[in-house]
């Protein structure tokens, strides 16, 4: 059967040997931002609220704002990415 992906590039910008470097970099940034989000939620809900409800509320609000920015970072096209060829 014929294949319709010239150059050996699979869906998602990955090559047979793994994701391209820019995709790997975006994925690391995304997971770092989401880990920070989880840490903020956990600390606000388990530790910080005992000393300051206001600080815990601010931490929770900041944690709620992180996922949209993480999605933007994860989907941002970098120089040299060829997403439109898929």
C-alpha atoms as a PDB file:
ATOM      1  CA  UNK A   1       0.000   0.000   0.000  1.00  0.00           C
ATOM      2  CA  UNK A   2       1.200   3.491  -0.786  1.00  0.00           C
ATOM      3  CA  UNK A   3       2.012   6.045   1.828  1.00  0.00           C
ATOM      4  CA  UNK A   4       1.181   9.713   1.668  1.00  0.00           C
ATOM      5  CA  UNK A   5       3.874  11.149   3.962  1.00  0.00           C
ATOM      6  CA  UNK A   6       6.946  12.294   2.044  1.00  0.00           C
ATOM      7  CA  UNK A   7      10.179  12.479   3.973  1.00  0.00           C
ATOM      8  CA  UNK A   8       9.169   9.903   6.584  1.00  0.00           C
ATOM      9  CA  UNK A   9       7.298  12.414   8.772  1.00  0.00           C
ATOM     10  CA  UNK A  10       4.361  10.954  10.683  1.00  0.00           C
ATOM     11  CA  UNK A  11       1.322  12.730  12.097  1.00  0.00           C
ATOM     12  CA  UNK A  12       2.103  15.175  14.870  1.00  0.00           C
ATOM     13  CA  UNK A  13       5.477  16.125  13.433  1.00  0.00           C
ATOM     14  CA  UNK A  14       7.199  12.998  14.744  1.00  0.00           C
ATOM     15  CA  UNK A  15       9.817  11.127  12.768  1.00  0.00           C
ATOM     16  CA  UNK A  16      10.230   7.352  13.035  1.00  0.00           C
ATOM     17  CA  UNK A  17      12.992   7.963  15.601  1.00  0.00           C
ATOM     18  CA  UNK A  18      10.763  10.144  17.814  1.00  0.00           C
ATOM     19  CA  UNK A  19       9.375  13.664  18.087  1.00  0.00           C
ATOM     20  CA  UNK A  20      11.222  16.532  16.453  1.00  0.00           C
ATOM     21  CA  UNK A  21      13.286  18.746  18.822  1.00  0.00           C
ATOM     22  CA  UNK A  22      10.865  21.680  18.781  1.00  0.00           C
ATOM     23  CA  UNK A  23       7.966  19.378  19.650  1.00  0.00           C
ATOM     24  CA  UNK A  24       9.982  17.849  22.481  1.00  0.00           C
ATOM     25  CA  UNK A  25      10.809  21.339  23.784  1.00  0.00           C
ATOM     26  CA  UNK A  26       7.138  22.404  23.658  1.00  0.00           C
ATOM     27  CA  UNK A  27       6.096  19.216  25.431  1.00  0.00           C
ATOM     28  CA  UNK A  28       8.613  19.833  28.245  1.00  0.00           C
ATOM     29  CA  UNK A  29       7.378  23.409  28.673  1.00  0.00           C
ATOM     30  CA  UNK A  30       3.767  22.221  28.768  1.00  0.00           C
ATOM     31  CA  UNK A  31       4.433  19.575  31.421  1.00  0.00           C
ATOM     32  CA  UNK A  32       6.489  22.023  33.490  1.00  0.00           C
ATOM     33  CA  UNK A  33       3.640  24.536  33.461  1.00  0.00           C
ATOM     34  CA  UNK A  34       1.061  21.884  34.338  1.00  0.00           C
ATOM     35  CA  UNK A  35       3.289  20.565  37.147  1.00  0.00           C
ATOM     36  CA  UNK A  36       3.513  24.106  38.528  1.00  0.00           C
ATOM     37  CA  UNK A  37      -0.276  24.307  38.331  1.00  0.00           C
ATOM     38  CA  UNK A  38      -0.693  21.084  40.321  1.00  0.00           C
ATOM     39  CA  UNK A  39       1.883  22.162  42.909  1.00  0.00           C
ATOM     40  CA  UNK A  40       0.105  25.484  43.402  1.00  0.00           C
ATOM     41  CA  UNK A  41      -3.269  23.765  43.837  1.00  0.00           C
ATOM     42  CA  UNK A  42      -1.890  21.195  46.261  1.00  0.00           C
ATOM     43  CA  UNK A  43       0.055  23.696  48.344  1.00  0.00           C
ATOM     44  CA  UNK A  44      -2.844  26.142  48.480  1.00  0.00           C
ATOM     45  CA  UNK A  45      -5.307  23.475  49.527  1.00  0.00           C
ATOM     46  CA  UNK A  46      -3.174  21.589  52.033  1.00  0.00           C
ATOM     47  CA  UNK A  47      -0.580  23.934  53.535  1.00  0.00           C
ATOM     48  CA  UNK A  48      -1.009  27.627  52.817  1.00  0.00           C
ATOM     49  CA  UNK A  49      -4.675  27.916  53.808  1.00  0.00           C
ATOM     50  CA  UNK A  50      -3.718  27.273  57.445  1.00  0.00           C
ATOM     51  CA  UNK A  51      -1.781  30.534  57.580  1.00  0.00           C
ATOM     52  CA  UNK A  52      -3.581  32.723  55.070  1.00  0.00           C
ATOM     53  CA  UNK A  53      -6.862  32.115  53.280  1.00  0.00           C
ATOM     54  CA  UNK A  54      -6.173  35.085  50.993  1.00  0.00           C
ATOM     55  CA  UNK A  55      -2.789  33.706  49.909  1.00  0.00           C
ATOM     56  CA  UNK A  56      -4.354  30.311  49.242  1.00  0.00           C
ATOM     57  CA  UNK A  57      -7.078  31.956  47.155  1.00  0.00           C
ATOM     58  CA  UNK A  58      -4.505  33.901  45.127  1.00  0.00           C
ATOM     59  CA  UNK A  59      -2.471  30.727  44.561  1.00  0.00           C
ATOM     60  CA  UNK A  60      -5.612  28.933  43.373  1.00  0.00           C
ATOM     61  CA  UNK A  61      -6.493  31.753  40.972  1.00  0.00           C
ATOM     62  CA  UNK A  62      -2.968  31.737  39.543  1.00  0.00           C
ATOM     63  CA  UNK A  63      -3.142  27.953  39.175  1.00  0.00           C
ATOM     64  CA  UNK A  64      -6.453  28.296  37.307  1.00  0.00           C
ATOM     65  CA  UNK A  65      -4.860  30.720  34.843  1.00  0.00           C
ATOM     66  CA  UNK A  66      -1.925  28.441  33.960  1.00  0.00           C
ATOM     67  CA  UNK A  67      -3.657  25.722  31.822  1.00  0.00           C
ATOM     68  CA  UNK A  68      -4.801  28.061  29.014  1.00  0.00           C
ATOM     69  CA  UNK A  69      -1.290  29.495  28.727  1.00  0.00           C
ATOM     70  CA  UNK A  70       0.165  25.977  28.792  1.00  0.00           C
ATOM     71  CA  UNK A  71      -2.087  25.023  25.875  1.00  0.00           C
ATOM     72  CA  UNK A  72      -0.959  28.109  23.956  1.00  0.00           C
ATOM     73  CA  UNK A  73       2.706  27.230  24.591  1.00  0.00           C
ATOM     74  CA  UNK A  74       2.138  23.605  23.580  1.00  0.00           C
ATOM     75  CA  UNK A  75       0.472  24.580  20.290  1.00  0.00           C
ATOM     76  CA  UNK A  76       2.694  27.489  19.299  1.00  0.00           C
ATOM     77  CA  UNK A  77       4.472  26.937  16.019  1.00  0.00           C
ATOM     78  CA  UNK A  78       8.201  27.550  16.130  1.00  0.00           C
ATOM     79  CA  UNK A  79      10.474  28.495  13.277  1.00  0.00           C
ATOM     80  CA  UNK A  80      11.091  25.485  11.063  1.00  0.00           C
ATOM     81  CA  UNK A  81       7.944  23.567  12.086  1.00  0.00           C
ATOM     82  CA  UNK A  82       5.999  22.245   9.108  1.00  0.00           C
ATOM     83  CA  UNK A  83       2.575  21.545  10.580  1.00  0.00           C
ATOM     84  CA  UNK A  84       0.741  22.651   7.455  1.00  0.00           C
ATOM     85  CA  UNK A  85       2.243  19.715   5.495  1.00  0.00           C
ATOM     86  CA  UNK A  86       0.319  17.098   7.481  1.00  0.00           C
END
